[in-house]
Amino acid sequence: MSLELSNAGRRLLDRRTFLQFAGTGLGGIALTTLLAEQGLLAAGKDRSPVRPQIRPSAPLASRAPHFPAKAKRVLLIFCSGACSHLDSWDYKPELIKMDGKPLPGNEKLITFQGEQGNLVKPIWEFKPRGQSGKYISDLFPNLAELADDFCFIHSMTARSNTHGPAENQMSTGFTLDGFPSMGAWVSYALGTECSDLPAFVAIPDPRGVPQIGPRQWSSAFLPGVFQGTPFNADKPIPNLNRPESISETAAHSTRDFLKFINDKHLEKHPGDTDLSARIASYELAAKMQLRAAEVGDLSGESAVTLELYGVNDANKLKAGYAKNCLLARRLLERDVRFVQLFNGSYAMGEGVGNWDGHKTLKEQYSIHAPIFDQPTAALLRDLKGRGLLEDTLVVWTTEFGRMPTFQKGANGRDHNPKGFTVWMAGAGVKRAFSYGATDPFGYQAVENIATIYDLHATILYLLGLDHERLSYYHNGIERRLTDVHGQVISEVLA
């Protein structure tokens, strides 16, 4: 029996020759793998993992990126519940023209919650904004004034139409539980330039946590030191200052004595990296406790700043979110590496405390938008005015989009992962720029289709990180934030 091959000429391959070739080929594959792991391949782009050199005694010490970075830190703003792109950022004249008619080609469409009705035009009017003339709706009048600072991606897609898995993917790259969040990956890769605050801080909405809760800022299988630390300006941090009954000399002597005991204990266990890391973590925690109280104290902010953010607004939810936005700025200016700011929560019920507008979208968004708009716009203006946007990347996102139709028997839009909008601003991205597009009705992405993997790859790139080389070996697999997917969206880079 023989196999016939066609190449430059035709020849027969018997069993013995086939086995010889197979053995040589497998050996070559093994050799290539070993060379790649050691970074010794001479040709092609090196994709071998580059693991951060983490000192056990200082796991959050600042580390160099893979290549020069555009951004030093990230602010990720997440609207929980899936904010409608069609009523905010994605202008569709054809949707307005076809208001009240069936979605062409999808007249009997069944989506997440059931059968769809007819097309419904945006609830809020779109108008040209800024010098660029970018159309943004009146849902967010304050943010609309900043249109010339935004870099829109109108062709984002997600892998799930269910909130929990979709929130998972946006935060961790995976729809399943058990994977590190984006901020944890960044902390693992780069550490922080701030020695007495966490590298990664999560700021939940005053109404409560998002649907998947702390998994949004979990470190999962990465070392626990890289997980996010939740802060909330509306719930004051306890007073951790030294009691007046204890003198500064006594407090200082106590700390020195504790350090002496720890150092002696460490001398008895040379090479015990777990012990040295634990001691370092406790020392860092002590520093953080004292600094956290200071960073959460807004009393030193000017009356003009407090008014800009809306901190004293009569709407307590808006005032609480405004304090969180101000807290985010205070963390960023102290060089916290990754700040994740949430707007919306499931603690008050689906659609009531978040952007999940199934039944009465207009009524729900009329509550949520004023809470979100002014404080968020103030945060961006403040960052820009202080020069922080020059090296801070701001990303706004939500877990997926919403349908151009209303659900049958309801006055709201169903889930839609086939096309939605995210935007970026600040370090390394183009201003007044739009990338990709959904179809004329905003139903699905059709031009320069982007994935969450691409978004994550782009964020890492702007931080000087190659998403294909940033990995962590876990359960026999080199894990990445982008799994085995993702391309940097080079078109949005400045």
Protein backbone atom coordinates (compact mmCIF):
# COMPACT_ATOMS: atom_id res chain seq x y z
CA MET A 1 0.00 0.00 0.00
CA SER A 2 1.36 3.45 -0.85
CA LEU A 3 0.39 7.10 -0.74
CA GLU A 4 0.73 9.27 -3.83
CA LEU A 5 1.95 12.84 -3.33
CA SER A 6 1.98 15.74 -5.76
CA ASN A 7 4.73 18.32 -5.42
CA ALA A 8 7.41 19.40 -7.92
CA GLY A 9 7.22 15.92 -9.38
CA ARG A 10 5.20 12.80 -8.62
CA ARG A 11 6.60 10.02 -6.52
CA LEU A 12 5.42 7.18 -4.34
CA LEU A 13 5.78 7.17 -0.54
CA ASP A 14 5.89 3.76 1.17
CA ARG A 15 5.20 3.08 4.85
CA ARG A 16 8.85 3.06 5.91
CA THR A 17 9.63 6.41 4.27
CA PHE A 18 6.41 7.90 5.65
CA LEU A 19 7.40 6.91 9.22
CA GLN A 20 10.89 8.32 8.73
CA PHE A 21 9.46 11.66 7.58
CA ALA A 22 6.92 11.67 10.42
CA GLY A 23 9.62 11.07 13.04
CA THR A 24 11.77 13.86 11.65
CA GLY A 25 8.77 16.20 11.49
CA LEU A 26 7.74 15.57 15.10
CA GLY A 27 11.29 16.12 16.24
CA GLY A 28 11.36 19.42 14.36
CA ILE A 29 8.11 20.51 16.01
CA ALA A 30 9.51 19.67 19.45
CA LEU A 31 12.73 21.58 18.75
CA THR A 32 10.80 24.62 17.47
CA THR A 33 8.65 24.62 20.60
CA LEU A 34 11.70 24.52 22.88
CA LEU A 35 13.41 27.31 20.95
CA ALA A 36 10.25 29.43 21.06
CA GLU A 37 9.89 28.96 24.82
CA GLN A 38 13.48 30.17 25.28
CA GLY A 39 13.08 33.05 22.83
CA LEU A 40 15.75 31.63 20.52
CA LEU A 41 13.91 31.44 17.21
CA ALA A 42 15.90 33.38 14.64
CA ALA A 43 13.10 34.18 12.21
CA GLY A 44 9.57 35.48 12.48
CA LYS A 45 7.86 37.43 15.21
CA ASP A 46 8.76 36.13 18.66
CA ARG A 47 5.61 35.01 20.47
CA SER A 48 7.23 33.30 23.45
CA PRO A 49 5.77 34.31 26.82
CA VAL A 50 7.38 37.21 28.64
CA ARG A 51 6.64 36.74 32.32
CA PRO A 52 7.10 39.74 34.59
CA GLN A 53 10.08 39.55 36.92
CA ILE A 54 8.22 39.83 40.22
CA ARG A 55 10.18 40.27 43.44
CA PRO A 56 8.42 38.37 46.26
CA SER A 57 9.35 41.12 48.72
CA ALA A 58 7.78 43.79 46.47
CA PRO A 59 5.19 42.17 44.19
CA LEU A 60 3.66 45.51 43.17
CA ALA A 61 6.94 47.24 42.36
CA SER A 62 6.84 49.06 39.03
CA ARG A 63 7.97 46.93 36.08
CA ALA A 64 8.99 47.88 32.56
CA PRO A 65 6.54 47.17 29.70
CA HIS A 66 7.44 45.10 26.65
CA PHE A 67 7.94 48.27 24.58
CA PRO A 68 7.51 52.03 25.08
CA ALA A 69 4.00 52.77 26.29
CA LYS A 70 1.62 55.56 25.29
CA ALA A 71 -0.37 55.32 28.54
CA LYS A 72 0.81 54.96 32.14
CA ARG A 73 -2.59 54.20 33.64
CA VAL A 74 -6.15 53.26 32.67
CA LEU A 75 -9.59 54.47 33.72
CA LEU A 76 -12.25 51.95 32.68
CA ILE A 77 -15.83 53.27 32.98
CA PHE A 78 -18.42 50.49 32.86
CA CYS A 79 -22.18 51.04 32.50
CA SER A 80 -23.79 47.90 33.87
CA GLY A 81 -26.91 46.53 32.19
CA ALA A 82 -26.10 47.25 28.53
CA CYS A 83 -26.60 50.92 27.68
CA SER A 84 -28.36 51.38 24.34
CA HIS A 85 -25.94 52.55 21.64
CA LEU A 86 -28.91 53.53 19.47
CA ASP A 87 -30.14 56.09 21.98
CA SER A 88 -26.73 57.55 22.75
CA TRP A 89 -23.71 57.27 20.43
CA ASP A 90 -24.68 55.49 17.18
CA TYR A 91 -26.65 57.80 14.86
CA LYS A 92 -28.85 55.96 12.35
CA PRO A 93 -30.92 58.19 10.03
CA GLU A 94 -32.47 55.11 8.39
CA LEU A 95 -33.79 53.97 11.77
CA ILE A 96 -35.53 57.32 12.15
CA LYS A 97 -36.92 57.07 8.63
CA MET A 98 -38.22 53.50 9.17
CA ASP A 99 -39.70 54.15 12.62
CA GLY A 100 -42.72 51.90 13.23
CA LYS A 101 -41.92 49.45 10.42
CA PRO A 102 -40.56 45.89 10.66
CA LEU A 103 -36.81 45.30 10.61
CA PRO A 104 -36.20 44.33 6.94
CA GLY A 105 -35.41 40.64 6.61
CA ASN A 106 -36.10 40.01 10.29
CA GLU A 107 -39.84 40.56 10.52
CA LYS A 108 -40.35 37.65 12.94
CA LEU A 109 -37.10 37.90 14.83
CA ILE A 110 -36.83 36.13 18.21
CA THR A 111 -34.16 37.49 20.55
CA PHE A 112 -33.19 37.09 24.21
CA GLN A 113 -36.58 37.81 25.77
CA GLY A 114 -38.79 36.77 22.87
CA GLU A 115 -40.46 38.12 19.75
CA GLN A 116 -39.58 41.57 18.47
CA GLY A 117 -41.95 44.29 17.40
CA ASN A 118 -41.25 47.09 14.92
CA LEU A 119 -38.32 49.44 14.59
CA VAL A 120 -38.30 52.36 17.02
CA LYS A 121 -36.31 55.52 16.37
CA PRO A 122 -33.98 56.92 19.05
CA ILE A 123 -35.87 58.24 22.06
CA TRP A 124 -33.51 61.23 22.32
CA GLU A 125 -32.67 63.53 19.44
CA PHE A 126 -29.23 63.31 17.84
CA LYS A 127 -27.38 66.54 17.04
CA PRO A 128 -23.96 67.40 15.57
CA ARG A 129 -21.44 68.18 18.32
CA GLY A 130 -18.13 70.01 18.51
CA GLN A 131 -15.96 71.00 15.58
CA SER A 132 -16.10 67.45 14.26
CA GLY A 133 -19.89 67.53 13.93
CA LYS A 134 -20.16 64.07 15.45
CA TYR A 135 -23.81 63.17 16.06
CA ILE A 136 -24.52 62.32 19.70
CA SER A 137 -27.93 62.25 21.34
CA ASP A 138 -29.38 64.51 24.01
CA LEU A 139 -29.33 61.57 26.44
CA PHE A 140 -25.84 62.71 27.50
CA PRO A 141 -25.69 66.49 26.90
CA ASN A 142 -22.55 67.08 29.00
CA LEU A 143 -20.58 64.23 27.49
CA ALA A 144 -21.77 65.29 24.02
CA GLU A 145 -19.84 68.54 24.48
CA LEU A 146 -16.65 66.46 24.63
CA ALA A 147 -17.27 64.74 21.28
CA ASP A 148 -13.99 66.01 19.83
CA ASP A 149 -12.04 64.16 22.53
CA PHE A 150 -13.58 60.75 21.85
CA CYS A 151 -12.41 57.85 19.69
CA PHE A 152 -15.51 55.75 18.94
CA ILE A 153 -15.59 52.07 18.01
CA HIS A 154 -19.07 51.54 16.57
CA SER A 155 -18.58 47.92 15.51
CA MET A 156 -17.97 46.14 18.82
CA THR A 157 -19.38 42.62 19.24
CA ALA A 158 -19.74 40.31 22.23
CA ARG A 159 -20.02 36.52 22.55
CA SER A 160 -23.03 36.37 24.87
CA ASN A 161 -26.46 38.00 25.06
CA THR A 162 -26.74 37.29 28.81
CA HIS A 163 -25.56 39.88 31.32
CA GLY A 164 -23.42 37.68 33.56
CA PRO A 165 -21.34 35.97 30.86
CA ALA A 166 -21.13 39.21 28.85
CA GLU A 167 -19.89 41.17 31.87
CA ASN A 168 -17.40 38.37 32.44
CA GLN A 169 -16.10 38.67 28.91
CA MET A 170 -15.78 42.44 29.01
CA SER A 171 -13.85 42.29 32.29
CA THR A 172 -11.87 39.05 31.89
CA GLY A 173 -11.94 38.07 28.21
CA PHE A 174 -13.94 34.90 28.95
CA THR A 175 -17.67 34.29 29.31
CA LEU A 176 -16.99 31.63 31.96
CA ASP A 177 -16.11 32.35 35.58
CA GLY A 178 -12.63 31.84 36.99
CA PHE A 179 -10.43 34.15 34.90
CA PRO A 180 -8.45 37.24 35.94
CA SER A 181 -9.89 40.67 35.25
CA MET A 182 -8.21 43.13 32.93
CA GLY A 183 -6.97 45.26 35.82
CA ALA A 184 -5.41 42.21 37.48
CA TRP A 185 -3.52 41.37 34.27
CA VAL A 186 -2.24 44.94 34.07
CA SER A 187 -1.16 44.92 37.74
CA TYR A 188 0.58 41.57 37.20
CA ALA A 189 2.42 42.91 34.16
CA LEU A 190 3.37 46.41 35.30
CA GLY A 191 2.94 46.72 39.07
CA THR A 192 2.45 50.31 40.15
CA GLU A 193 4.39 53.54 40.56
CA CYS A 194 2.46 54.30 43.74
CA SER A 195 4.04 52.64 46.78
CA ASP A 196 1.23 53.15 49.28
CA LEU A 197 -1.97 52.54 47.31
CA PRO A 198 -3.19 49.46 45.42
CA ALA A 199 -2.19 49.04 41.79
CA PHE A 200 -5.81 48.26 40.87
CA VAL A 201 -8.88 49.89 42.42
CA ALA A 202 -12.53 49.11 41.65
CA ILE A 203 -15.20 51.69 42.50
CA PRO A 204 -18.67 50.07 42.56
CA ASP A 205 -21.78 52.18 41.97
CA PRO A 206 -23.37 53.62 45.15
CA ARG A 207 -26.40 51.42 44.39
CA GLY A 208 -24.31 48.26 44.70
CA VAL A 209 -22.09 45.94 42.67
CA PRO A 210 -22.63 44.85 39.02
CA GLN A 211 -24.31 41.53 38.24
CA ILE A 212 -21.18 39.38 38.55
CA GLY A 213 -19.99 41.37 41.58
CA PRO A 214 -16.35 41.11 42.67
CA ARG A 215 -15.53 38.81 39.74
CA GLN A 216 -15.25 42.06 37.76
CA TRP A 217 -12.05 42.86 39.68
CA SER A 218 -10.88 39.34 40.65
CA SER A 219 -7.35 38.06 40.15
CA ALA A 220 -8.65 34.46 39.77
CA PHE A 221 -5.59 32.22 39.29
CA LEU A 222 -3.12 35.12 39.29
CA PRO A 223 -1.55 35.80 42.70
CA GLY A 224 -4.07 37.46 45.00
CA VAL A 225 -1.95 40.60 45.40
CA PHE A 226 -3.01 41.63 41.88
CA GLN A 227 -6.77 41.64 42.48
CA GLY A 228 -8.67 44.91 42.59
CA THR A 229 -9.30 46.69 45.89
CA PRO A 230 -12.88 48.04 46.11
CA PHE A 231 -13.22 51.67 47.22
CA ASN A 232 -16.38 53.75 47.49
CA ALA A 233 -16.35 57.47 48.27
CA ASP A 234 -19.95 57.41 49.52
CA LYS A 235 -19.02 54.99 52.33
CA PRO A 236 -16.29 56.75 54.27
CA ILE A 237 -13.13 54.81 54.98
CA PRO A 238 -12.67 54.36 58.77
CA ASN A 239 -10.28 56.68 60.56
CA LEU A 240 -7.05 54.70 60.66
CA ASN A 241 -4.88 57.46 62.05
CA ARG A 242 -2.82 57.00 65.22
CA PRO A 243 -4.85 57.47 68.44
CA GLU A 244 -3.91 60.63 70.31
CA SER A 245 -3.08 58.56 73.41
CA ILE A 246 -0.14 56.98 71.55
CA SER A 247 2.79 59.23 70.77
CA GLU A 248 4.41 59.28 67.34
CA THR A 249 7.67 58.11 68.96
CA ALA A 250 5.94 55.08 70.50
CA ALA A 251 4.17 54.24 67.22
CA HIS A 252 7.42 54.51 65.29
CA SER A 253 9.26 52.32 67.82
CA THR A 254 6.50 49.72 67.62
CA ARG A 255 6.78 49.55 63.81
CA ASP A 256 10.57 49.26 64.03
CA PHE A 257 10.30 46.44 66.58
CA LEU A 258 7.78 44.57 64.43
CA LYS A 259 10.09 44.90 61.43
CA PHE A 260 13.02 43.62 63.54
CA ILE A 261 11.03 40.51 64.55
CA ASN A 262 9.92 39.88 60.95
CA ASP A 263 13.48 40.21 59.65
CA LYS A 264 14.78 37.76 62.27
CA HIS A 265 12.04 35.29 61.40
CA LEU A 266 12.91 35.63 57.72
CA GLU A 267 16.59 34.95 58.48
CA LYS A 268 15.56 31.57 59.94
CA HIS A 269 13.81 30.68 56.67
CA PRO A 270 16.13 31.81 53.87
CA GLY A 271 14.66 31.40 50.39
CA ASP A 272 11.07 31.19 51.65
CA THR A 273 9.48 33.43 49.02
CA ASP A 274 5.96 32.87 50.39
CA LEU A 275 7.01 34.20 53.78
CA SER A 276 8.83 37.22 52.35
CA ALA A 277 5.85 37.99 50.13
CA ARG A 278 3.46 37.73 53.11
CA ILE A 279 5.58 40.11 55.18
CA ALA A 280 5.79 42.55 52.25
CA SER A 281 2.01 42.37 51.80
CA TYR A 282 1.37 43.21 55.45
CA GLU A 283 3.79 46.14 55.29
CA LEU A 284 2.10 47.39 52.13
CA ALA A 285 -1.32 46.95 53.70
CA ALA A 286 -0.29 49.16 56.63
CA LYS A 287 0.83 51.90 54.25
CA MET A 288 -2.37 51.55 52.22
CA GLN A 289 -4.61 51.87 55.27
CA LEU A 290 -3.15 55.25 56.16
CA ARG A 291 -3.10 56.54 52.56
CA ALA A 292 -6.58 55.21 51.72
CA ALA A 293 -8.16 57.44 54.34
CA GLU A 294 -6.38 60.45 52.85
CA VAL A 295 -7.30 59.72 49.23
CA GLY A 296 -10.96 59.23 50.15
CA ASP A 297 -11.15 62.54 52.01
CA LEU A 298 -12.75 65.04 49.60
CA SER A 299 -12.84 67.91 52.11
CA GLY A 300 -9.77 69.54 50.55
CA GLU A 301 -11.39 69.86 47.12
CA SER A 302 -12.51 73.34 46.08
CA ALA A 303 -16.16 74.39 45.96
CA VAL A 304 -15.77 74.87 42.19
CA THR A 305 -14.61 71.27 41.77
CA LEU A 306 -17.40 69.88 43.93
CA GLU A 307 -19.94 71.86 41.89
CA LEU A 308 -18.39 70.70 38.60
CA TYR A 309 -18.85 67.05 39.57
CA GLY A 310 -22.24 67.48 41.26
CA VAL A 311 -21.08 66.21 44.64
CA ASN A 312 -23.71 68.26 46.50
CA ASP A 313 -26.58 67.48 44.13
CA ALA A 314 -30.01 66.95 45.72
CA ASN A 315 -30.20 63.59 43.94
CA LYS A 316 -28.35 61.39 46.45
CA LEU A 317 -27.54 58.73 43.85
CA LYS A 318 -26.04 61.33 41.55
CA ALA A 319 -24.10 62.89 44.43
CA GLY A 320 -22.78 59.44 45.40
CA TYR A 321 -21.66 58.64 41.86
CA ALA A 322 -20.13 62.13 41.58
CA LYS A 323 -18.03 61.43 44.68
CA ASN A 324 -16.89 58.19 43.08
CA CYS A 325 -15.83 60.08 39.94
CA LEU A 326 -13.86 62.52 42.07
CA LEU A 327 -12.30 59.60 43.94
CA ALA A 328 -11.28 58.11 40.57
CA ARG A 329 -9.44 61.32 39.66
CA ARG A 330 -7.68 61.39 43.04
CA LEU A 331 -6.52 57.80 42.57
CA LEU A 332 -5.29 58.41 39.03
CA GLU A 333 -3.32 61.51 39.96
CA ARG A 334 -1.61 59.42 42.65
CA ASP A 335 -0.52 56.98 39.93
CA VAL A 336 -2.85 54.08 40.69
CA ARG A 337 -2.32 51.94 37.60
CA PHE A 338 -5.87 50.77 36.84
CA VAL A 339 -9.14 52.30 38.07
CA GLN A 340 -12.44 50.58 37.22
CA LEU A 341 -15.43 52.90 37.75
CA PHE A 342 -18.94 51.41 37.68
CA ASN A 343 -22.26 53.06 36.91
CA GLY A 344 -25.35 50.93 37.52
CA SER A 345 -26.07 47.98 39.78
CA TYR A 346 -28.37 44.98 40.01
CA ALA A 347 -28.83 45.44 43.75
CA MET A 348 -31.95 47.55 43.14
CA GLY A 349 -33.49 45.16 40.62
CA GLU A 350 -33.08 44.60 36.89
CA GLY A 351 -33.58 47.79 34.90
CA VAL A 352 -34.21 49.90 38.01
CA GLY A 353 -30.63 50.38 39.14
CA ASN A 354 -28.91 49.78 35.80
CA TRP A 355 -29.14 50.29 32.03
CA ASP A 356 -31.15 47.14 31.22
CA GLY A 357 -34.04 48.90 29.44
CA HIS A 358 -36.43 46.08 28.47
CA LYS A 359 -39.83 47.41 29.44
CA THR A 360 -39.81 51.19 29.91
CA LEU A 361 -36.55 52.39 28.44
CA LYS A 362 -37.43 56.08 28.33
CA GLU A 363 -38.47 56.21 31.98
CA GLN A 364 -35.47 54.18 33.12
CA TYR A 365 -32.86 56.09 31.12
CA SER A 366 -34.39 59.41 32.20
CA ILE A 367 -33.36 58.38 35.73
CA HIS A 368 -29.96 56.88 34.94
CA ALA A 369 -28.61 59.42 32.44
CA PRO A 370 -28.56 62.49 34.76
CA ILE A 371 -26.80 60.41 37.41
CA PHE A 372 -24.12 59.40 34.92
CA ASP A 373 -23.70 62.34 32.54
CA GLN A 374 -22.55 65.37 34.52
CA PRO A 375 -20.12 63.60 36.91
CA THR A 376 -18.51 61.56 34.13
CA ALA A 377 -18.09 64.62 31.89
CA ALA A 378 -16.64 66.51 34.86
CA LEU A 379 -14.14 63.71 35.46
CA LEU A 380 -12.95 63.88 31.85
CA ARG A 381 -12.72 67.67 31.91
CA ASP A 382 -10.81 67.55 35.18
CA LEU A 383 -8.35 64.94 33.90
CA LYS A 384 -7.79 67.00 30.77
CA GLY A 385 -7.37 70.25 32.68
CA ARG A 386 -4.74 68.70 34.95
CA GLY A 387 -2.81 67.22 32.02
CA LEU A 388 -3.61 63.66 33.12
CA LEU A 389 -5.22 62.71 29.79
CA GLU A 390 -1.79 62.95 28.20
CA ASP A 391 -0.76 59.66 29.81
CA THR A 392 -4.08 58.21 30.99
CA LEU A 393 -6.23 56.02 28.74
CA VAL A 394 -9.98 56.34 29.39
CA VAL A 395 -12.27 53.58 28.13
CA TRP A 396 -16.07 53.65 28.29
CA THR A 397 -17.96 50.42 27.73
CA THR A 398 -20.97 48.30 28.54
CA GLU A 399 -21.50 44.54 28.14
CA PHE A 400 -23.42 44.63 24.82
CA GLY A 401 -25.88 46.77 22.85
CA ARG A 402 -29.64 46.80 22.41
CA MET A 403 -32.05 46.08 19.58
CA PRO A 404 -33.31 48.72 17.10
CA THR A 405 -36.78 47.27 17.70
CA PHE A 406 -38.97 47.33 20.79
CA GLN A 407 -39.94 44.02 22.34
CA LYS A 408 -43.50 42.97 21.56
CA GLY A 409 -45.80 44.23 24.29
CA ALA A 410 -43.12 46.42 25.87
CA ASN A 411 -41.55 49.86 25.51
CA GLY A 412 -37.93 48.84 25.64
CA ARG A 413 -35.14 47.21 23.67
CA ASP A 414 -33.86 43.65 24.07
CA HIS A 415 -30.22 42.50 24.40
CA ASN A 416 -28.03 42.70 21.30
CA PRO A 417 -24.41 41.47 21.24
CA LYS A 418 -24.14 41.74 17.43
CA GLY A 419 -23.16 45.40 17.36
CA PHE A 420 -22.62 48.19 19.87
CA THR A 421 -20.39 51.14 20.72
CA VAL A 422 -17.46 51.70 23.05
CA TRP A 423 -15.26 54.78 23.14
CA MET A 424 -11.79 55.72 24.28
CA ALA A 425 -10.09 59.02 25.08
CA GLY A 426 -6.69 60.24 26.17
CA ALA A 427 -3.27 58.69 25.78
CA GLY A 428 -2.41 57.15 22.44
CA VAL A 429 -5.79 57.26 20.67
CA LYS A 430 -7.12 59.50 17.92
CA ARG A 431 -9.46 62.33 18.82
CA ALA A 432 -12.75 63.04 17.05
CA PHE A 433 -12.48 59.70 15.28
CA SER A 434 -14.96 56.92 14.51
CA TYR A 435 -14.03 53.36 13.60
CA GLY A 436 -16.32 50.65 12.24
CA ALA A 437 -20.07 50.75 11.74
CA THR A 438 -23.26 48.85 12.31
CA ASP A 439 -25.85 48.36 9.57
CA PRO A 440 -28.31 51.21 8.74
CA PHE A 441 -30.53 50.18 11.66
CA GLY A 442 -27.77 49.59 14.24
CA TYR A 443 -28.62 45.88 14.47
CA GLN A 444 -25.25 44.30 13.73
CA ALA A 445 -21.68 45.32 13.00
CA VAL A 446 -20.89 45.27 9.27
CA GLU A 447 -17.78 47.41 8.82
CA ASN A 448 -14.42 46.74 10.53
CA ILE A 449 -16.05 44.31 12.94
CA ALA A 450 -14.29 44.40 16.32
CA THR A 451 -14.29 41.95 19.21
CA ILE A 452 -13.71 42.36 22.92
CA TYR A 453 -10.44 40.50 22.36
CA ASP A 454 -9.39 43.29 19.96
CA LEU A 455 -10.36 45.94 22.51
CA HIS A 456 -8.30 44.22 25.22
CA ALA A 457 -5.34 43.79 22.85
CA THR A 458 -5.48 47.51 22.03
CA ILE A 459 -5.64 48.58 25.68
CA LEU A 460 -2.64 46.39 26.52
CA TYR A 461 -0.76 47.73 23.49
CA LEU A 462 -1.24 51.31 24.65
CA LEU A 463 0.26 50.26 28.00
CA GLY A 464 3.29 48.89 26.17
CA LEU A 465 2.22 45.25 26.43
CA ASP A 466 2.05 42.58 23.72
CA HIS A 467 -1.18 40.70 24.42
CA GLU A 468 0.21 37.55 22.79
CA ARG A 469 3.22 37.45 25.10
CA LEU A 470 1.64 38.47 28.39
CA SER A 471 0.69 35.10 29.88
CA TYR A 472 0.49 33.06 33.05
CA TYR A 473 0.98 29.30 33.19
CA HIS A 474 -2.05 27.71 34.86
CA ASN A 475 -3.24 24.08 34.82
CA GLY A 476 -0.99 23.19 31.90
CA ILE A 477 -2.03 26.14 29.73
CA GLU A 478 -0.38 29.47 28.97
CA ARG A 479 -3.36 31.70 29.75
CA ARG A 480 -3.84 35.18 28.23
CA LEU A 481 -6.36 37.96 28.68
CA THR A 482 -7.15 37.58 24.97
CA ASP A 483 -7.12 33.74 25.03
CA VAL A 484 -6.02 32.75 21.49
CA HIS A 485 -7.67 35.70 19.76
CA GLY A 486 -7.32 39.44 19.34
CA GLN A 487 -5.69 42.01 17.07
CA VAL A 488 -4.63 45.52 18.02
CA ILE A 489 -7.00 47.99 16.33
CA SER A 490 -4.21 50.01 14.78
CA GLU A 491 -6.58 52.41 13.03
CA VAL A 492 -7.59 54.04 16.33
CA LEU A 493 -4.00 54.71 17.43
CA ALA A 494 -2.76 58.29 17.32
